[in-house]
C-alpha atoms as a PDB file:
ATOM      1  CA  MET A   1     -20.183   6.309   6.617  1.00  0.00           C
ATOM      2  CA  LYS A   2     -20.893   3.847   3.603  1.00  0.00           C
ATOM      3  CA  ILE A   3     -18.196   3.309   1.413  1.00  0.00           C
ATOM      4  CA  ASN A   4     -19.747   6.295  -1.501  1.00  0.00           C
ATOM      5  CA  GLU A   5     -19.263   8.441   1.397  1.00  0.00           C
ATOM      6  CA  ILE A   6     -15.438   7.526   2.160  1.00  0.00           C
ATOM      7  CA  ILE A   7     -14.371   7.422  -0.933  1.00  0.00           C
ATOM      8  CA  LYS A   8     -15.825  11.051  -1.457  1.00  0.00           C
ATOM      9  CA  LYS A   9     -14.477  12.393   1.728  1.00  0.00           C
ATOM     10  CA  ARG A  10     -11.180  11.124   1.272  1.00  0.00           C
ATOM     11  CA  ARG A  11     -11.051  12.298  -2.170  1.00  0.00           C
ATOM     12  CA  LYS A  12     -11.998  15.822  -1.229  1.00  0.00           C
ATOM     13  CA  ASP A  13      -9.588  15.518   2.132  1.00  0.00           C
ATOM     14  CA  LEU A  14      -6.945  15.184  -0.427  1.00  0.00           C
ATOM     15  CA  GLY A  15      -7.764  18.049  -2.965  1.00  0.00           C
ATOM     16  CA  LEU A  16      -8.368  15.567  -5.844  1.00  0.00           C
ATOM     17  CA  THR A  17     -10.851  15.575  -8.522  1.00  0.00           C
ATOM     18  CA  LEU A  18     -12.924  13.352 -10.133  1.00  0.00           C
ATOM     19  CA  LYS A  19     -10.725  13.327 -12.941  1.00  0.00           C
ATOM     20  CA  GLN A  20      -7.652  12.984 -11.099  1.00  0.00           C
ATOM     21  CA  VAL A  21      -9.029   9.821  -9.458  1.00  0.00           C
ATOM     22  CA  ALA A  22     -10.392   8.417 -12.533  1.00  0.00           C
ATOM     23  CA  ASP A  23      -7.127   9.388 -14.522  1.00  0.00           C
ATOM     24  CA  GLN A  24      -5.219   6.952 -12.042  1.00  0.00           C
ATOM     25  CA  LEU A  25      -7.450   4.169 -11.686  1.00  0.00           C
ATOM     26  CA  GLY A  26      -7.776   4.109 -15.600  1.00  0.00           C
ATOM     27  CA  VAL A  27     -11.575   4.527 -15.604  1.00  0.00           C
ATOM     28  CA  SER A  28     -13.715   7.330 -16.675  1.00  0.00           C
ATOM     29  CA  GLU A  29     -14.747  10.197 -14.037  1.00  0.00           C
ATOM     30  CA  SER A  30     -18.474   8.973 -14.513  1.00  0.00           C
ATOM     31  CA  LEU A  31     -17.725   5.668 -13.246  1.00  0.00           C
ATOM     32  CA  ILE A  32     -16.015   7.579 -10.373  1.00  0.00           C
ATOM     33  CA  SER A  33     -18.771  10.117  -9.597  1.00  0.00           C
ATOM     34  CA  ARG A  34     -21.034   6.777  -9.809  1.00  0.00           C
ATOM     35  CA  TYR A  35     -19.067   5.113  -7.437  1.00  0.00           C
ATOM     36  CA  GLU A  36     -19.150   8.528  -4.676  1.00  0.00           C
ATOM     37  CA  SER A  37     -23.208   8.810  -5.214  1.00  0.00           C
ATOM     38  CA  ASN A  38     -23.757   5.255  -4.768  1.00  0.00           C
ATOM     39  CA  ASP A  39     -25.194   4.492  -8.427  1.00  0.00           C
ATOM     40  CA  VAL A  40     -22.740   1.342  -8.360  1.00  0.00           C
ATOM     41  CA  LYS A  41     -23.697  -1.188  -5.886  1.00  0.00           C
ATOM     42  CA  ASN A  42     -21.172  -3.448  -6.236  1.00  0.00           C
ATOM     43  CA  MET A  43     -17.640  -2.130  -6.986  1.00  0.00           C
ATOM     44  CA  LYS A  44     -15.337  -4.471  -8.721  1.00  0.00           C
ATOM     45  CA  VAL A  45     -12.872  -5.903  -6.218  1.00  0.00           C
ATOM     46  CA  ASP A  46     -10.189  -5.653  -8.104  1.00  0.00           C
ATOM     47  CA  LYS A  47     -10.669  -1.757  -8.213  1.00  0.00           C
ATOM     48  CA  ILE A  48     -10.853  -1.577  -4.127  1.00  0.00           C
ATOM     49  CA  ALA A  49      -6.989  -1.749  -3.078  1.00  0.00           C
ATOM     50  CA  PRO A  50      -5.932   0.640  -6.108  1.00  0.00           C
ATOM     51  CA  LEU A  51      -8.325   3.016  -5.187  1.00  0.00           C
ATOM     52  CA  ALA A  52      -7.307   2.727  -1.785  1.00  0.00           C
ATOM     53  CA  LYS A  53      -3.551   3.509  -2.969  1.00  0.00           C
ATOM     54  CA  ILE A  54      -4.564   6.480  -5.018  1.00  0.00           C
ATOM     55  CA  LEU A  55      -6.789   7.757  -2.087  1.00  0.00           C
ATOM     56  CA  LYS A  56      -3.995   7.039   0.154  1.00  0.00           C
ATOM     57  CA  THR A  57      -5.193   4.831   2.472  1.00  0.00           C
ATOM     58  CA  THR A  58      -6.096   1.142   3.164  1.00  0.00           C
ATOM     59  CA  PRO A  59      -8.657  -1.122   1.596  1.00  0.00           C
ATOM     60  CA  ALA A  60      -9.972  -1.492   5.063  1.00  0.00           C
ATOM     61  CA  TYR A  61     -10.327   1.939   5.577  1.00  0.00           C
ATOM     62  CA  LEU A  62     -12.571   2.300   2.218  1.00  0.00           C
ATOM     63  CA  MET A  63     -14.894  -0.742   3.331  1.00  0.00           C
ATOM     64  CA  GLY A  64     -15.751   0.941   6.779  1.00  0.00           C
ATOM     65  CA  TRP A  65     -13.804  -1.664   8.519  1.00  0.00           C
ATOM     66  CA  GLU A  66     -10.989   0.644  10.004  1.00  0.00           C
ATOM     67  CA  ASP A  67     -11.517   4.180  11.451  1.00  0.00           C
ATOM     68  CA  ASN A  68      -8.169   5.703  10.540  1.00  0.00           C
ATOM     69  CA  PRO A  69      -7.414   6.949   6.920  1.00  0.00           C
ATOM     70  CA  THR A  70      -3.704   6.714   7.199  1.00  0.00           C
ATOM     71  CA  PRO A  71      -2.607   3.903   9.752  1.00  0.00           C
ATOM     72  CA  PRO A  72       1.291   4.271  11.088  1.00  0.00           C
ATOM     73  CA  LYS A  73       3.596   3.262   8.197  1.00  0.00           C
ATOM     74  CA  PRO A  74       5.320  -0.200   9.532  1.00  0.00           C
ATOM     75  CA  THR A  75       8.879   0.206   9.446  1.00  0.00           C
ATOM     76  CA  VAL A  76      11.748  -2.418   9.874  1.00  0.00           C
ATOM     77  CA  ASP A  77      14.808  -1.349  12.207  1.00  0.00           C
ATOM     78  CA  THR A  78      17.733  -1.834   9.902  1.00  0.00           C
ATOM     79  CA  SER A  79      20.052   0.017  12.390  1.00  0.00           C
ATOM     80  CA  MET A  80      21.916  -3.338  13.507  1.00  0.00           C
ATOM     81  CA  LEU A  81      23.177  -3.827  10.161  1.00  0.00           C
ATOM     82  CA  THR A  82      26.567  -3.426   8.787  1.00  0.00           C
ATOM     83  CA  GLU A  83      26.984  -1.259   5.805  1.00  0.00           C
ATOM     84  CA  ALA A  84      27.586  -4.044   3.414  1.00  0.00           C
ATOM     85  CA  GLU A  85      24.500  -6.078   5.007  1.00  0.00           C
ATOM     86  CA  LEU A  86      22.332  -3.020   4.643  1.00  0.00           C
ATOM     87  CA  ALA A  87      23.353  -2.721   0.763  1.00  0.00           C
ATOM     88  CA  GLU A  88      22.691  -6.269   0.378  1.00  0.00           C
ATOM     89  CA  PHE A  89      19.351  -5.789   2.067  1.00  0.00           C
ATOM     90  CA  GLU A  90      18.712  -2.885  -0.045  1.00  0.00           C
ATOM     91  CA  LYS A  91      19.510  -4.589  -3.261  1.00  0.00           C
ATOM     92  CA  ILE A  92      17.245  -7.958  -2.187  1.00  0.00           C
ATOM     93  CA  THR A  93      14.102  -5.956  -1.007  1.00  0.00           C
ATOM     94  CA  GLY A  94      14.325  -3.563  -4.027  1.00  0.00           C
ATOM     95  CA  VAL A  95      14.639  -6.272  -6.738  1.00  0.00           C
ATOM     96  CA  ASN A  96      11.816  -8.286  -4.770  1.00  0.00           C
ATOM     97  CA  GLN A  97       9.593  -5.510  -4.801  1.00  0.00           C
ATOM     98  CA  GLN A  98       9.649  -5.022  -8.669  1.00  0.00           C
ATOM     99  CA  LEU A  99       9.714  -8.712  -9.367  1.00  0.00           C
ATOM    100  CA  PHE A 100       6.782  -9.721  -6.622  1.00  0.00           C
ATOM    101  CA  PHE A 101       4.775  -6.906  -5.844  1.00  0.00           C
ATOM    102  CA  ASN A 102       5.265  -5.173  -9.319  1.00  0.00           C
ATOM    103  CA  GLY A 103       6.222  -1.725  -7.834  1.00  0.00           C
ATOM    104  CA  VAL A 104       3.002  -1.711  -5.708  1.00  0.00           C
ATOM    105  CA  GLU A 105       3.226  -0.354  -2.256  1.00  0.00           C
ATOM    106  CA  ASN A 106       1.849  -2.575  -0.056  1.00  0.00           C
ATOM    107  CA  ASP A 107       3.521  -2.098   3.430  1.00  0.00           C
ATOM    108  CA  HIS A 108       2.342  -4.869   5.297  1.00  0.00           C
ATOM    109  CA  ASP A 109       3.645  -7.316   3.049  1.00  0.00           C
ATOM    110  CA  MET A 110       6.594  -5.585   2.108  1.00  0.00           C
ATOM    111  CA  ASP A 111       7.246  -5.443   5.855  1.00  0.00           C
ATOM    112  CA  VAL A 112       6.696  -8.909   6.304  1.00  0.00           C
ATOM    113  CA  PHE A 113       9.055  -9.890   3.367  1.00  0.00           C
ATOM    114  CA  LYS A 114      11.853  -7.347   4.566  1.00  0.00           C
ATOM    115  CA  GLU A 115      11.585  -8.599   8.313  1.00  0.00           C
ATOM    116  CA  ALA A 116      12.458 -12.072   6.898  1.00  0.00           C
ATOM    117  CA  VAL A 117      15.381 -11.036   4.722  1.00  0.00           C
ATOM    118  CA  LEU A 118      16.805  -9.205   7.911  1.00  0.00           C
ATOM    119  CA  ASN A 119      16.703 -12.181   9.722  1.00  0.00           C
ATOM    120  CA  ILE A 120      18.369 -14.434   7.096  1.00  0.00           C
ATOM    121  CA  ILE A 121      20.990 -11.711   6.919  1.00  0.00           C
ATOM    122  CA  LEU A 122      21.242 -12.139  10.915  1.00  0.00           C
ATOM    123  CA  ALA A 123      21.052 -15.738  10.913  1.00  0.00           C
ATOM    124  CA  ASN A 124      23.752 -15.543   8.396  1.00  0.00           C
ATOM    125  CA  ARG A 125      26.227 -13.246  10.436  1.00  0.00           C
ATOM    126  CA  LYS A 126      25.692 -15.798  13.490  1.00  0.00           C
ATOM    127  CA  ASP A 127      26.702 -18.950  11.086  1.00  0.00           C
ATOM    128  CA  LYS A 128      29.746 -17.252   9.599  1.00  0.00           C
ATOM    129  CA  LYS A 129      30.959 -16.238  13.503  1.00  0.00           C
ATOM    130  CA  ASP A 130      30.227 -20.148  14.911  1.00  0.00           C
END
């Protein structure tokens, strides 16, 4: 499937109108229609990730590089943290999501960051015991 077909199919699968997608993307409804009809041959790169987010998928799926529109959401296992450590973990990751990710959900990058924070907390626990 071509990118225009993928965009249209995904939008319809989610029950979104052209207007809803356009409003969320901050473009005209006619531009989304032109994306879907393949009238726009070179979609601007800065539109792909936000469009993927609106369509609840990945940029790679929109580009036709992945087959699964909704890959499983990665998770970081925090079950081994104490209540105080979990509170610290949530504080650090929450603040940094706003500061560095500007509130944009990027599951992969955020999970890499969360994994690093988790490792630091666990390393600090070990240092306190030694």
